[in-house]
Protein backbone atom coordinates (compact mmCIF):
# COMPACT_ATOMS: atom_id res chain seq x y z
CA UNK A 1 28.47 141.33 144.07
CA UNK A 2 30.44 141.20 147.45
CA UNK A 3 29.53 137.50 147.60
CA UNK A 4 30.76 136.90 143.88
CA UNK A 5 34.19 138.33 145.30
CA UNK A 6 34.50 136.15 147.97
CA UNK A 7 33.52 132.86 145.47
CA UNK A 8 35.89 134.20 142.67
CA UNK A 9 39.11 134.67 145.31
CA UNK A 10 38.38 131.73 146.92
CA UNK A 11 38.61 129.64 143.67
CA UNK A 12 41.41 131.56 142.55
CA UNK A 13 43.08 130.81 145.94
CA UNK A 14 42.39 127.11 145.08
CA UNK A 15 43.47 127.11 141.79
CA UNK A 16 46.77 128.68 142.99
CA UNK A 17 47.17 126.40 144.79
CA UNK A 18 46.43 123.62 143.14
CA UNK A 19 49.09 124.71 140.62
CA UNK A 20 51.77 124.84 143.02
CA UNK A 21 51.23 121.16 143.95
CA UNK A 22 51.78 120.44 140.59
CA UNK A 23 54.78 122.65 139.48
CA UNK A 24 58.68 120.46 139.40
CA UNK A 25 61.07 122.47 140.29
CA UNK A 26 63.66 120.41 138.31
CA UNK A 27 62.03 121.66 135.29
CA UNK A 28 64.06 125.07 133.89
CA UNK A 29 61.55 127.99 132.75
CA UNK A 30 61.46 129.03 129.11
CA UNK A 31 62.50 132.04 127.00
CA UNK A 32 62.45 135.46 129.28
CA UNK A 33 59.22 136.09 130.64
CA UNK A 34 57.83 133.44 129.63
CA UNK A 35 56.22 130.71 131.94
CA UNK A 36 55.69 127.51 131.64
CA UNK A 37 52.19 124.98 132.04
CA UNK A 38 52.47 125.33 136.13
CA UNK A 39 52.71 128.80 135.74
CA UNK A 40 56.36 128.68 138.35
CA UNK A 41 59.46 128.40 136.37
CA UNK A 42 59.61 131.93 134.37
CA UNK A 43 63.32 132.62 133.16
CA UNK A 44 64.84 135.53 135.09
CA UNK A 45 66.33 138.28 133.19
CA UNK A 46 70.26 138.57 132.24
CA UNK A 47 72.32 140.04 135.18
CA UNK A 48 75.41 141.80 133.67
CA UNK A 49 78.14 140.70 136.37
CA UNK A 50 81.63 143.17 136.60
CA UNK A 51 83.35 139.68 135.64
CA UNK A 52 81.94 136.63 133.68
CA UNK A 53 82.44 134.22 136.18
CA UNK A 54 82.31 130.62 134.77
CA UNK A 55 80.60 128.47 136.51
CA UNK A 56 80.44 125.42 133.95
CA UNK A 57 84.48 125.65 134.34
CA UNK A 58 84.49 125.59 138.22
CA UNK A 59 82.03 123.83 138.64
CA UNK A 60 81.27 122.18 136.03
CA UNK A 61 84.92 120.81 133.93
CA UNK A 62 86.62 120.87 137.61
CA UNK A 63 83.72 119.26 139.48
CA UNK A 64 84.28 122.56 142.59
CA UNK A 65 81.90 121.98 145.51
CA UNK A 66 79.92 124.85 145.39
CA UNK A 67 80.25 125.56 148.94
CA UNK A 68 83.93 125.85 148.53
CA UNK A 69 83.14 129.12 147.11
CA UNK A 70 79.54 129.58 148.96
CA UNK A 71 81.03 128.81 152.44
CA UNK A 72 78.28 130.22 154.60
CA UNK A 73 75.44 127.74 152.86
CA UNK A 74 75.49 125.40 155.35
CA UNK A 75 75.85 126.83 158.25
CA UNK A 76 74.15 130.42 158.02
CA UNK A 77 70.81 131.70 156.41
CA UNK A 78 73.09 133.65 153.56
CA UNK A 79 75.22 131.37 150.93
CA UNK A 80 77.76 134.10 151.01
CA UNK A 81 80.28 135.55 148.28
CA UNK A 82 83.50 134.43 148.17
CA UNK A 83 86.61 136.95 149.04
CA UNK A 84 88.64 138.26 146.60
CA UNK A 85 91.28 136.75 148.16
CA UNK A 86 90.16 133.24 147.97
CA UNK A 87 89.99 133.68 144.30
CA UNK A 88 93.52 135.19 144.27
CA UNK A 89 94.68 132.08 146.44
CA UNK A 90 94.24 129.89 143.40
CA UNK A 91 95.10 132.29 140.46
CA UNK A 92 98.03 133.32 141.91
CA UNK A 93 99.30 130.30 140.91
CA UNK A 94 97.85 129.03 137.63
CA UNK A 95 100.16 131.07 134.75
CA UNK A 96 97.61 129.44 131.94
CA UNK A 97 95.24 132.02 132.73
CA UNK A 98 96.13 134.71 133.51
CA UNK A 99 96.28 136.59 130.62
CA UNK A 100 92.61 135.80 129.43
CA UNK A 101 90.53 139.16 130.35
CA UNK A 102 88.40 137.70 133.18
CA UNK A 103 91.73 137.12 135.04
CA UNK A 104 93.43 140.42 134.10
CA UNK A 105 89.52 142.31 135.62
CA UNK A 106 90.23 139.95 139.21
CA UNK A 107 93.95 140.87 139.22
CA UNK A 108 92.64 144.51 138.70
CA UNK A 109 90.59 144.12 141.35
CA UNK A 110 93.14 142.93 143.50
CA UNK A 111 95.56 145.75 142.79
CA UNK A 112 93.08 148.29 143.61
CA UNK A 113 92.07 146.59 147.12
CA UNK A 114 88.59 146.62 145.86
CA UNK A 115 85.56 143.88 146.04
CA UNK A 116 84.30 142.94 142.95
CA UNK A 117 80.69 144.46 142.96
CA UNK A 118 78.81 141.23 142.23
CA UNK A 119 74.85 141.89 141.63
CA UNK A 120 72.41 139.72 142.99
CA UNK A 121 70.43 137.03 140.82
CA UNK A 122 68.31 134.94 143.06
CA UNK A 123 66.85 138.27 145.58
CA UNK A 124 64.02 137.83 147.07
CA UNK A 125 61.87 140.15 148.83
CA UNK A 126 62.83 141.58 151.98
CA UNK A 127 59.57 139.77 153.85
CA UNK A 128 60.81 136.48 152.85
CA UNK A 129 62.77 134.47 154.84
CA UNK A 130 65.01 131.63 153.15
CA UNK A 131 67.99 129.69 154.93
CA UNK A 132 70.30 127.54 153.33
CA UNK A 133 71.51 126.26 156.89
CA UNK A 134 68.36 124.18 156.79
CA UNK A 135 68.35 123.16 153.52
CA UNK A 136 71.74 122.19 152.68
CA UNK A 137 72.02 120.46 156.34
CA UNK A 138 69.01 118.57 155.33
CA UNK A 139 68.96 117.14 151.79
CA UNK A 140 73.34 117.45 151.17
CA UNK A 141 74.71 116.18 154.57
CA UNK A 142 71.33 114.00 155.88
CA UNK A 143 70.73 112.58 153.07
CA UNK A 144 73.21 112.82 150.81
CA UNK A 145 72.35 114.01 147.57
CA UNK A 146 75.08 115.31 145.59
CA UNK A 147 75.83 118.78 145.63
CA UNK A 148 75.28 120.02 142.07
CA UNK A 149 71.53 118.10 142.97
CA UNK A 150 70.36 119.47 146.04
CA UNK A 151 72.07 123.16 145.20
CA UNK A 152 69.99 122.70 141.40
CA UNK A 153 67.27 122.28 143.19
CA UNK A 154 66.35 126.32 143.81
CA UNK A 155 69.15 127.48 141.26
CA UNK A 156 69.47 125.26 138.06
CA UNK A 157 71.91 123.35 136.64
CA UNK A 158 74.64 126.48 137.75
CA UNK A 159 77.09 123.89 136.78
CA UNK A 160 76.18 124.58 132.60
CA UNK A 161 76.14 127.94 132.89
CA UNK A 162 78.33 130.85 132.70
CA UNK A 163 77.01 133.56 135.20
CA UNK A 164 74.34 132.34 136.92
CA UNK A 165 71.15 133.57 135.74
CA UNK A 166 67.39 132.57 137.74
CA UNK A 167 65.83 129.67 136.04
CA UNK A 168 63.56 128.95 138.63
CA UNK A 169 60.04 131.46 139.83
CA UNK A 170 61.28 131.39 143.97
CA UNK A 171 57.72 132.26 144.17
CA UNK A 172 55.78 131.38 147.23
CA UNK A 173 53.49 128.78 145.62
CA UNK A 174 56.71 127.04 144.05
CA UNK A 175 58.46 126.71 146.92
CA UNK A 176 54.86 125.50 148.55
CA UNK A 177 55.00 122.80 146.43
CA UNK A 178 58.30 121.47 147.38
CA UNK A 179 57.77 121.88 150.93
CA UNK A 180 54.28 119.74 149.84
CA UNK A 181 56.72 116.26 148.77
CA UNK A 182 57.56 113.92 150.71
CA UNK A 183 60.92 114.06 151.56
CA UNK A 184 63.84 111.31 153.02
CA UNK A 185 64.58 112.33 156.60
CA UNK A 186 67.91 111.16 156.34
CA UNK A 187 70.08 108.57 154.07
CA UNK A 188 69.96 106.04 156.27
CA UNK A 189 65.88 105.84 157.02
CA UNK A 190 63.11 105.46 154.17
CA UNK A 191 61.17 107.47 156.79
CA UNK A 192 59.78 110.76 154.66
CA UNK A 193 58.18 114.13 155.60
CA UNK A 194 57.13 117.75 154.06
CA UNK A 195 58.65 120.72 154.82
CA UNK A 196 56.75 123.37 157.21
CA UNK A 197 53.75 124.77 155.92
CA UNK A 198 53.63 127.90 158.72
CA UNK A 199 53.58 131.06 157.84
CA UNK A 200 55.64 132.48 160.11
CA UNK A 201 58.30 129.95 159.25
CA UNK A 202 59.01 132.47 156.05
CA UNK A 203 57.41 135.66 156.60
CA UNK A 204 58.37 136.32 160.29
């Protein structure tokens, strides 16, 4: 019985590993709770935010770089949420949208001197360590890829959404599938390399 169980676990591990290798991070998932054939691209739940922030307006129509608001992404493990005064720096000067409900809410938080209580959408377990800086420096600055593509690899096409929603599984197998791919080391070379496969890189 123990031998049978051991064999089952071995084959299950092989199946998960192979499935991870076939997962394509650019493919969006299906309906809430569903999974695509590779098992790694399930949509996350809809997260209600205090303000329905229109990413499609800021990042999509206006083409604002993700890192203008999420300024820590290029130099820190976390991407960071912009302070309220950054939002107000623009919206204090834009008269044409001040009567919109979401902008009125923005001004209410500003008047009360309260931060907007945003809720996490892309939340990883505490035992997982993901570093934005390493990925942004590699794919945006060294490989010179478009920011919408670089951020979208893990977050999906945020520029087409209003409030953000998780469209990638962000599971261990999904991450491993990307680390197994051959990526250019920089825009000035044809040399490629894989991501690290050491457990301690993500689990410290």
